[in-house]
Amino acid sequence: MTTLTTAAEPADVLEYRLTAADRCDSCGAQAYIAAEVNGSELLFCAHHGRRYEEKLRSIATSWHDETSRLTESV
């Protein structure tokens, strides 16, 4: 499940939950995926998020994916 919330101002602007300060729990790179498992939030970079996605999705209560930000043009 991808969860992005739209900003109150212009309709084409998105508010992202994860920032550059959010780091992957596996390697320390910038996190683009957040999963809630057993009440704890796990953060992953795109690489580790995809690596663990199949196993985690079955037990995660939420899956927040912002990896689309990696392919957006600036």
C-alpha atoms as a PDB file:
ATOM      1  CA  MET A   1       0.000   0.000   0.000  1.00  0.00           C
ATOM      2  CA  THR A   2       1.431   3.341  -1.031  1.00  0.00           C
ATOM      3  CA  THR A   3       0.429   6.178   1.242  1.00  0.00           C
ATOM      4  CA  LEU A   4       0.971   9.721   0.016  1.00  0.00           C
ATOM      5  CA  THR A   5      -1.026  12.673   1.231  1.00  0.00           C
ATOM      6  CA  THR A   6      -1.742  15.650  -0.949  1.00  0.00           C
ATOM      7  CA  ALA A   7      -0.937  19.114   0.300  1.00  0.00           C
ATOM      8  CA  ALA A   8      -3.709  21.586   1.053  1.00  0.00           C
ATOM      9  CA  GLU A   9      -2.357  24.137  -1.438  1.00  0.00           C
ATOM     10  CA  PRO A  10      -1.672  23.233  -5.100  1.00  0.00           C
ATOM     11  CA  ALA A  11      -3.112  19.878  -6.160  1.00  0.00           C
ATOM     12  CA  ASP A  12       0.103  18.851  -7.936  1.00  0.00           C
ATOM     13  CA  VAL A  13       2.303  19.176  -4.802  1.00  0.00           C
ATOM     14  CA  LEU A  14       2.755  16.115  -2.580  1.00  0.00           C
ATOM     15  CA  GLU A  15       3.738  16.039   1.074  1.00  0.00           C
ATOM     16  CA  TYR A  16       6.120  13.212   1.820  1.00  0.00           C
ATOM     17  CA  ARG A  17       6.367  11.646   5.241  1.00  0.00           C
ATOM     18  CA  LEU A  18       9.984  10.475   4.991  1.00  0.00           C
ATOM     19  CA  THR A  19      12.808  13.016   4.915  1.00  0.00           C
ATOM     20  CA  ALA A  20      16.562  12.916   4.360  1.00  0.00           C
ATOM     21  CA  ALA A  21      16.931  12.497   8.121  1.00  0.00           C
ATOM     22  CA  ASP A  22      15.139   9.118   7.965  1.00  0.00           C
ATOM     23  CA  ARG A  23      17.757   6.409   7.491  1.00  0.00           C
ATOM     24  CA  CYS A  24      17.583   2.742   6.476  1.00  0.00           C
ATOM     25  CA  ASP A  25      17.757   0.402   9.463  1.00  0.00           C
ATOM     26  CA  SER A  26      19.917  -1.997   7.436  1.00  0.00           C
ATOM     27  CA  CYS A  27      22.559   0.231   5.863  1.00  0.00           C
ATOM     28  CA  GLY A  28      22.017   3.849   6.890  1.00  0.00           C
ATOM     29  CA  ALA A  29      21.099   5.148   3.415  1.00  0.00           C
ATOM     30  CA  GLN A  30      18.127   7.491   3.010  1.00  0.00           C
ATOM     31  CA  ALA A  31      14.879   5.673   3.783  1.00  0.00           C
ATOM     32  CA  TYR A  32      12.089   5.606   1.220  1.00  0.00           C
ATOM     33  CA  ILE A  33      10.030   2.790   2.763  1.00  0.00           C
ATOM     34  CA  ALA A  34       8.499   2.621   6.241  1.00  0.00           C
ATOM     35  CA  ALA A  35       6.819  -0.512   7.562  1.00  0.00           C
ATOM     36  CA  GLU A  36       5.066  -0.965  10.875  1.00  0.00           C
ATOM     37  CA  VAL A  37       5.612  -4.396  12.405  1.00  0.00           C
ATOM     38  CA  ASN A  38       4.470  -5.322  15.929  1.00  0.00           C
ATOM     39  CA  GLY A  39       4.001  -1.656  16.790  1.00  0.00           C
ATOM     40  CA  SER A  40       7.528  -0.653  15.717  1.00  0.00           C
ATOM     41  CA  GLU A  41       8.437   1.331  12.632  1.00  0.00           C
ATOM     42  CA  LEU A  42      11.123  -0.110  10.381  1.00  0.00           C
ATOM     43  CA  LEU A  43      12.784   2.143   7.804  1.00  0.00           C
ATOM     44  CA  PHE A  44      14.449   0.926   4.616  1.00  0.00           C
ATOM     45  CA  CYS A  45      16.193   2.323   1.578  1.00  0.00           C
ATOM     46  CA  ALA A  46      14.702   1.227  -1.747  1.00  0.00           C
ATOM     47  CA  HIS A  47      17.169  -1.668  -2.058  1.00  0.00           C
ATOM     48  CA  HIS A  48      16.521  -3.190   1.367  1.00  0.00           C
ATOM     49  CA  GLY A  49      12.805  -2.431   1.235  1.00  0.00           C
ATOM     50  CA  ARG A  50      12.488  -4.498  -1.942  1.00  0.00           C
ATOM     51  CA  ARG A  51      14.751  -7.183  -0.505  1.00  0.00           C
ATOM     52  CA  TYR A  52      12.558  -7.705   2.588  1.00  0.00           C
ATOM     53  CA  GLU A  53       9.178  -6.707   1.137  1.00  0.00           C
ATOM     54  CA  GLU A  54       7.825 -10.190   0.475  1.00  0.00           C
ATOM     55  CA  LYS A  55       8.465 -11.364   4.041  1.00  0.00           C
ATOM     56  CA  LEU A  56       7.460  -8.143   5.774  1.00  0.00           C
ATOM     57  CA  ARG A  57       4.225  -7.424   3.875  1.00  0.00           C
ATOM     58  CA  SER A  58       2.587 -10.522   5.368  1.00  0.00           C
ATOM     59  CA  ILE A  59       3.195  -9.317   8.950  1.00  0.00           C
ATOM     60  CA  ALA A  60       3.274  -5.529   8.540  1.00  0.00           C
ATOM     61  CA  THR A  61       0.292  -3.508   9.704  1.00  0.00           C
ATOM     62  CA  SER A  62       1.276  -0.720   7.292  1.00  0.00           C
ATOM     63  CA  TRP A  63       3.610  -0.280   4.319  1.00  0.00           C
ATOM     64  CA  HIS A  64       4.523   3.257   3.248  1.00  0.00           C
ATOM     65  CA  ASP A  65       6.461   3.437  -0.025  1.00  0.00           C
ATOM     66  CA  GLU A  66       7.987   6.638  -1.410  1.00  0.00           C
ATOM     67  CA  THR A  67      10.395   4.995  -3.865  1.00  0.00           C
ATOM     68  CA  SER A  68       8.642   6.788  -6.735  1.00  0.00           C
ATOM     69  CA  ARG A  69      10.572   9.877  -5.577  1.00  0.00           C
ATOM     70  CA  LEU A  70      13.733   8.264  -6.943  1.00  0.00           C
ATOM     71  CA  THR A  71      12.498   8.462 -10.537  1.00  0.00           C
ATOM     72  CA  GLU A  72      10.759  11.845 -10.423  1.00  0.00           C
ATOM     73  CA  SER A  73      12.400  14.638 -12.368  1.00  0.00           C
ATOM     74  CA  VAL A  74      13.381  17.722 -10.419  1.00  0.00           C
END
